[in-house]
Structures are given as C-alpha cells and as structure tokens.
N, C-alpha and C. Protein backbone atom coordinates (compact mmCIF):
# COMPACT_ATOMS: atom_id res chain seq x y z
N MET A 1 15.94 29.27 6.49
CA MET A 1 14.97 28.26 6.11
C MET A 1 13.64 28.94 5.78
N ILE A 2 12.96 28.38 4.80
CA ILE A 2 11.66 28.89 4.38
C ILE A 2 10.61 27.86 4.75
N ASP A 3 9.54 28.32 5.41
CA ASP A 3 8.45 27.42 5.74
C ASP A 3 7.40 27.37 4.64
N GLU A 4 7.11 28.52 4.04
CA GLU A 4 6.08 28.62 3.02
C GLU A 4 6.49 29.70 2.04
N PHE A 5 6.08 29.57 0.78
CA PHE A 5 6.40 30.59 -0.20
C PHE A 5 5.24 30.77 -1.16
N THR A 6 5.22 31.93 -1.80
CA THR A 6 4.22 32.26 -2.80
C THR A 6 4.94 32.77 -4.04
N ILE A 7 4.52 32.30 -5.19
CA ILE A 7 5.04 32.79 -6.46
C ILE A 7 3.96 33.65 -7.09
N ILE A 8 4.32 34.90 -7.36
CA ILE A 8 3.37 35.87 -7.93
C ILE A 8 3.92 36.32 -9.27
N GLU A 9 3.05 36.31 -10.28
CA GLU A 9 3.43 36.78 -11.59
C GLU A 9 2.38 37.76 -12.08
N GLN A 10 2.80 38.96 -12.42
CA GLN A 10 1.92 40.01 -12.90
C GLN A 10 0.72 40.20 -11.97
N GLY A 11 1.00 40.20 -10.68
CA GLY A 11 -0.03 40.45 -9.69
C GLY A 11 -0.91 39.26 -9.37
N ARG A 12 -0.69 38.12 -10.02
CA ARG A 12 -1.49 36.91 -9.78
C ARG A 12 -0.71 35.93 -8.93
N ASN A 13 -1.39 35.34 -7.98
CA ASN A 13 -0.79 34.29 -7.16
C ASN A 13 -0.80 33.00 -7.98
N LEU A 14 0.37 32.56 -8.43
CA LEU A 14 0.46 31.33 -9.21
C LEU A 14 0.52 30.10 -8.32
N LEU A 15 1.18 30.24 -7.18
CA LEU A 15 1.44 29.06 -6.36
C LEU A 15 1.78 29.48 -4.94
N THR A 16 1.14 28.87 -3.96
CA THR A 16 1.50 29.03 -2.56
C THR A 16 1.58 27.64 -1.96
N LEU A 17 2.75 27.32 -1.42
CA LEU A 17 2.97 26.00 -0.85
C LEU A 17 3.93 26.08 0.32
N GLU A 18 3.82 25.12 1.23
CA GLU A 18 4.86 24.94 2.23
C GLU A 18 6.08 24.41 1.49
N ALA A 19 7.25 24.81 1.92
CA ALA A 19 8.49 24.43 1.23
C ALA A 19 8.66 22.91 1.17
N ASP A 20 8.37 22.21 2.27
CA ASP A 20 8.52 20.75 2.28
C ASP A 20 7.54 20.07 1.33
N VAL A 21 6.33 20.59 1.25
CA VAL A 21 5.33 20.04 0.33
C VAL A 21 5.79 20.25 -1.11
N ALA A 22 6.35 21.42 -1.39
CA ALA A 22 6.83 21.73 -2.74
C ALA A 22 7.96 20.79 -3.14
N ARG A 23 8.87 20.53 -2.21
CA ARG A 23 9.99 19.63 -2.53
C ARG A 23 9.49 18.20 -2.77
N ASP A 24 8.43 17.79 -2.09
CA ASP A 24 7.86 16.47 -2.31
C ASP A 24 7.10 16.40 -3.63
N ARG A 25 6.47 17.49 -4.01
CA ARG A 25 5.60 17.52 -5.17
C ARG A 25 6.37 17.68 -6.49
N PHE A 26 7.32 18.60 -6.53
CA PHE A 26 8.05 18.90 -7.76
C PHE A 26 9.34 18.09 -7.79
N LYS A 27 9.48 17.26 -8.81
CA LYS A 27 10.65 16.38 -8.93
C LYS A 27 11.30 16.52 -10.30
N LYS A 28 12.60 16.30 -10.31
CA LYS A 28 13.35 16.19 -11.56
C LYS A 28 13.70 14.72 -11.71
N ILE A 29 13.29 14.14 -12.83
CA ILE A 29 13.56 12.74 -13.10
C ILE A 29 14.48 12.67 -14.32
N ARG A 30 15.59 11.98 -14.13
CA ARG A 30 16.52 11.77 -15.24
C ARG A 30 16.55 10.28 -15.55
N ALA A 31 16.45 9.96 -16.82
CA ALA A 31 16.49 8.56 -17.25
C ALA A 31 17.43 8.42 -18.43
N ARG A 32 18.21 7.35 -18.42
CA ARG A 32 19.10 7.05 -19.53
C ARG A 32 18.74 5.68 -20.08
N PHE A 33 18.66 5.60 -21.39
CA PHE A 33 18.26 4.38 -22.08
C PHE A 33 19.42 3.84 -22.90
N ALA A 34 19.38 2.57 -23.25
CA ALA A 34 20.42 1.95 -24.09
C ALA A 34 20.42 2.58 -25.48
N GLN A 35 19.24 2.89 -25.99
CA GLN A 35 19.07 3.53 -27.29
C GLN A 35 18.19 4.76 -27.08
N PRO A 36 18.29 5.77 -27.94
CA PRO A 36 17.39 6.91 -27.80
C PRO A 36 15.94 6.42 -27.77
N PRO A 37 15.17 6.83 -26.77
CA PRO A 37 13.80 6.33 -26.67
C PRO A 37 12.91 6.92 -27.75
N ALA A 38 11.93 6.12 -28.14
CA ALA A 38 10.89 6.64 -29.04
C ALA A 38 10.13 7.71 -28.27
N ARG A 39 9.41 8.50 -28.97
CA ARG A 39 8.64 9.55 -28.31
C ARG A 39 7.71 8.92 -27.28
N LEU A 40 7.88 9.33 -26.02
CA LEU A 40 7.09 8.78 -24.93
C LEU A 40 5.94 9.71 -24.58
N ASP A 41 4.79 9.14 -24.32
CA ASP A 41 3.64 9.91 -23.86
C ASP A 41 3.77 10.03 -22.34
N LEU A 42 4.04 11.24 -21.85
CA LEU A 42 4.27 11.45 -20.43
C LEU A 42 3.34 12.53 -19.88
N PRO A 43 2.03 12.22 -19.76
CA PRO A 43 1.11 13.21 -19.23
C PRO A 43 1.46 13.53 -17.79
N GLY A 44 1.32 14.79 -17.43
CA GLY A 44 1.65 15.21 -16.08
C GLY A 44 3.05 15.80 -15.97
N ALA A 45 3.84 15.68 -17.03
CA ALA A 45 5.19 16.27 -17.01
C ALA A 45 5.07 17.76 -17.34
N LEU A 46 5.73 18.58 -16.54
CA LEU A 46 5.76 20.02 -16.85
C LEU A 46 6.69 20.29 -18.03
N SER A 47 7.78 19.54 -18.08
CA SER A 47 8.69 19.67 -19.23
C SER A 47 9.42 18.35 -19.43
N VAL A 48 9.78 18.11 -20.68
CA VAL A 48 10.55 16.93 -21.05
C VAL A 48 11.64 17.39 -22.01
N LYS A 49 12.89 17.13 -21.64
CA LYS A 49 14.02 17.45 -22.50
C LYS A 49 14.73 16.16 -22.84
N GLN A 50 15.00 15.97 -24.12
CA GLN A 50 15.72 14.78 -24.55
C GLN A 50 17.03 15.19 -25.17
N ASN A 51 18.08 14.51 -24.76
CA ASN A 51 19.41 14.71 -25.33
C ASN A 51 19.96 13.33 -25.64
N GLY A 52 19.80 12.91 -26.89
CA GLY A 52 20.24 11.58 -27.28
C GLY A 52 19.43 10.51 -26.57
N ARG A 53 20.10 9.72 -25.76
CA ARG A 53 19.40 8.63 -25.06
C ARG A 53 19.03 8.99 -23.62
N GLU A 54 19.14 10.28 -23.28
CA GLU A 54 18.80 10.73 -21.94
C GLU A 54 17.59 11.65 -21.96
N LEU A 55 16.74 11.47 -20.94
CA LEU A 55 15.57 12.33 -20.75
C LEU A 55 15.69 13.04 -19.41
N GLU A 56 15.24 14.29 -19.37
CA GLU A 56 15.09 15.01 -18.11
C GLU A 56 13.66 15.50 -18.05
N ILE A 57 12.96 15.10 -17.00
CA ILE A 57 11.54 15.40 -16.86
C ILE A 57 11.33 16.18 -15.58
N ILE A 58 10.53 17.23 -15.67
CA ILE A 58 10.11 17.97 -14.48
C ILE A 58 8.67 17.55 -14.21
N ALA A 59 8.44 17.00 -13.02
CA ALA A 59 7.12 16.48 -12.65
C ALA A 59 6.48 17.37 -11.59
N ASN A 60 5.18 17.52 -11.72
CA ASN A 60 4.39 18.29 -10.77
C ASN A 60 3.39 17.36 -10.10
N GLY A 61 3.84 16.62 -9.10
CA GLY A 61 2.94 15.75 -8.35
C GLY A 61 2.57 14.46 -9.03
N SER A 62 3.14 14.18 -10.18
CA SER A 62 2.79 12.96 -10.91
C SER A 62 4.01 12.07 -11.11
N SER A 63 4.99 12.19 -10.23
CA SER A 63 6.24 11.48 -10.45
C SER A 63 6.08 9.96 -10.42
N GLU A 64 5.18 9.42 -9.61
CA GLU A 64 5.01 7.97 -9.57
C GLU A 64 4.47 7.43 -10.90
N ALA A 65 3.49 8.10 -11.47
CA ALA A 65 2.94 7.68 -12.76
C ALA A 65 3.98 7.81 -13.87
N LEU A 66 4.75 8.90 -13.83
CA LEU A 66 5.80 9.08 -14.83
C LEU A 66 6.88 8.00 -14.70
N LEU A 67 7.24 7.67 -13.48
CA LEU A 67 8.23 6.61 -13.27
C LEU A 67 7.75 5.28 -13.82
N ALA A 68 6.49 4.97 -13.60
CA ALA A 68 5.93 3.72 -14.11
C ALA A 68 6.01 3.68 -15.64
N LYS A 69 5.68 4.79 -16.29
CA LYS A 69 5.76 4.84 -17.76
C LYS A 69 7.20 4.68 -18.23
N LEU A 70 8.13 5.36 -17.54
CA LEU A 70 9.53 5.24 -17.92
C LEU A 70 10.05 3.83 -17.75
N LYS A 71 9.74 3.22 -16.61
CA LYS A 71 10.24 1.87 -16.32
C LYS A 71 9.70 0.84 -17.30
N ALA A 72 8.55 1.10 -17.90
CA ALA A 72 8.00 0.19 -18.92
C ALA A 72 8.89 0.15 -20.16
N HIS A 73 9.76 1.16 -20.32
CA HIS A 73 10.67 1.22 -21.47
C HIS A 73 12.09 0.81 -21.09
N ALA A 74 12.26 0.19 -19.93
CA ALA A 74 13.53 -0.40 -19.48
C ALA A 74 14.72 0.55 -19.54
N PRO A 75 14.70 1.64 -18.78
CA PRO A 75 15.87 2.52 -18.77
C PRO A 75 17.06 1.84 -18.09
N GLU A 76 18.25 2.23 -18.48
CA GLU A 76 19.46 1.73 -17.83
C GLU A 76 19.62 2.33 -16.44
N GLU A 77 19.20 3.58 -16.31
CA GLU A 77 19.36 4.29 -15.05
C GLU A 77 18.26 5.32 -14.89
N VAL A 78 17.79 5.49 -13.66
CA VAL A 78 16.80 6.51 -13.34
C VAL A 78 17.24 7.22 -12.06
N GLN A 79 17.23 8.52 -12.08
CA GLN A 79 17.55 9.32 -10.91
C GLN A 79 16.40 10.28 -10.64
N ILE A 80 16.07 10.45 -9.37
CA ILE A 80 14.98 11.36 -8.98
C ILE A 80 15.52 12.29 -7.91
N GLU A 81 15.22 13.58 -8.07
CA GLU A 81 15.62 14.54 -7.05
C GLU A 81 14.57 15.63 -6.93
N SER A 82 14.50 16.21 -5.76
CA SER A 82 13.59 17.33 -5.55
C SER A 82 14.16 18.56 -6.23
N LEU A 83 13.28 19.41 -6.70
CA LEU A 83 13.71 20.67 -7.29
C LEU A 83 14.07 21.65 -6.18
N THR A 84 14.98 22.55 -6.48
CA THR A 84 15.27 23.65 -5.57
C THR A 84 14.10 24.64 -5.67
N LEU A 85 14.01 25.54 -4.73
CA LEU A 85 12.94 26.54 -4.79
C LEU A 85 13.09 27.40 -6.04
N GLU A 86 14.31 27.67 -6.46
CA GLU A 86 14.52 28.43 -7.70
C GLU A 86 14.00 27.66 -8.91
N GLU A 87 14.27 26.36 -8.96
CA GLU A 87 13.77 25.54 -10.07
C GLU A 87 12.24 25.46 -10.06
N ILE A 88 11.65 25.42 -8.87
CA ILE A 88 10.18 25.43 -8.76
C ILE A 88 9.64 26.74 -9.31
N PHE A 89 10.31 27.84 -8.99
CA PHE A 89 9.90 29.15 -9.50
C PHE A 89 9.91 29.15 -11.02
N VAL A 90 10.98 28.64 -11.63
CA VAL A 90 11.08 28.60 -13.09
C VAL A 90 10.01 27.67 -13.66
N ALA A 91 9.82 26.51 -13.04
CA ALA A 91 8.81 25.55 -13.52
C ALA A 91 7.40 26.10 -13.38
N SER A 92 7.19 26.98 -12.42
CA SER A 92 5.83 27.50 -12.18
C SER A 92 5.31 28.31 -13.36
N ASN A 93 6.19 28.75 -14.24
CA ASN A 93 5.74 29.47 -15.44
C ASN A 93 4.87 28.58 -16.30
N THR A 94 5.05 27.26 -16.22
CA THR A 94 4.25 26.34 -17.02
C THR A 94 2.92 26.01 -16.34
N LEU A 95 2.75 26.48 -15.11
CA LEU A 95 1.51 26.20 -14.40
C LEU A 95 0.38 27.12 -14.84
N GLY A 96 0.74 28.24 -15.45
CA GLY A 96 -0.30 29.18 -15.89
C GLY A 96 -1.09 29.69 -14.71
N SER A 97 -2.39 29.60 -14.79
CA SER A 97 -3.23 30.11 -13.72
C SER A 97 -3.64 29.02 -12.74
N THR A 98 -3.06 27.83 -12.85
CA THR A 98 -3.39 26.74 -11.93
C THR A 98 -2.83 27.04 -10.57
N LYS A 99 -3.65 26.89 -9.55
CA LYS A 99 -3.21 27.10 -8.18
C LYS A 99 -3.19 25.77 -7.46
N ALA A 100 -2.24 25.64 -6.54
CA ALA A 100 -2.14 24.41 -5.76
C ALA A 100 -3.04 24.48 -4.56
C-alpha cells in the first residue's frame, strides 16, 4: 500500500499527493449517448476521447462540474471510477508545472 507519492519529471516535482486524495481527485468518467454528442465544452477535463457516441473523460478535481455538463445532454449511461496510480502518472503529463 502507498500512503503518499510524488511524480517527478525532468527533476521537477509535478505532483505530490496522498494516495487516497489522488483517487478521490482524479476520475475517469465514461458516458454513452443515444446519438454521437455535439462537441461539448468540458472545462476542467484533462483529456476527452470520443468514439462514436461514447466519451471518456479524465477529470482532475472537477468531476462534479463535468458530470453536471454531461447530464444536461441526457446520456444513456454514465460510469465514474477512480484512476489507478499508473493512470494518474500518465495523466500528470497534462498538468505541466501545476502543483497540487
């Protein structure tokens, strides 16, 4: 078990968090719509991937706001899960020099 971790890139501390805080903060949100959704404005998303009528969003602490935006477009299904520490490491590349 890991209590706390630090992600370092090129000698810079990108992120230091307790593992439980990281799992609460970083979420993967999957949504499926009846029809392919129009381009959605999803500020706070680290990444958005669309495959037909499905979206996969990586959220950094803004999952509630993103869920509200998604639900306004009436998805058929929404799933939310915490990222693994490996997925957080990969997502941290989009954080740049932002520290938590």
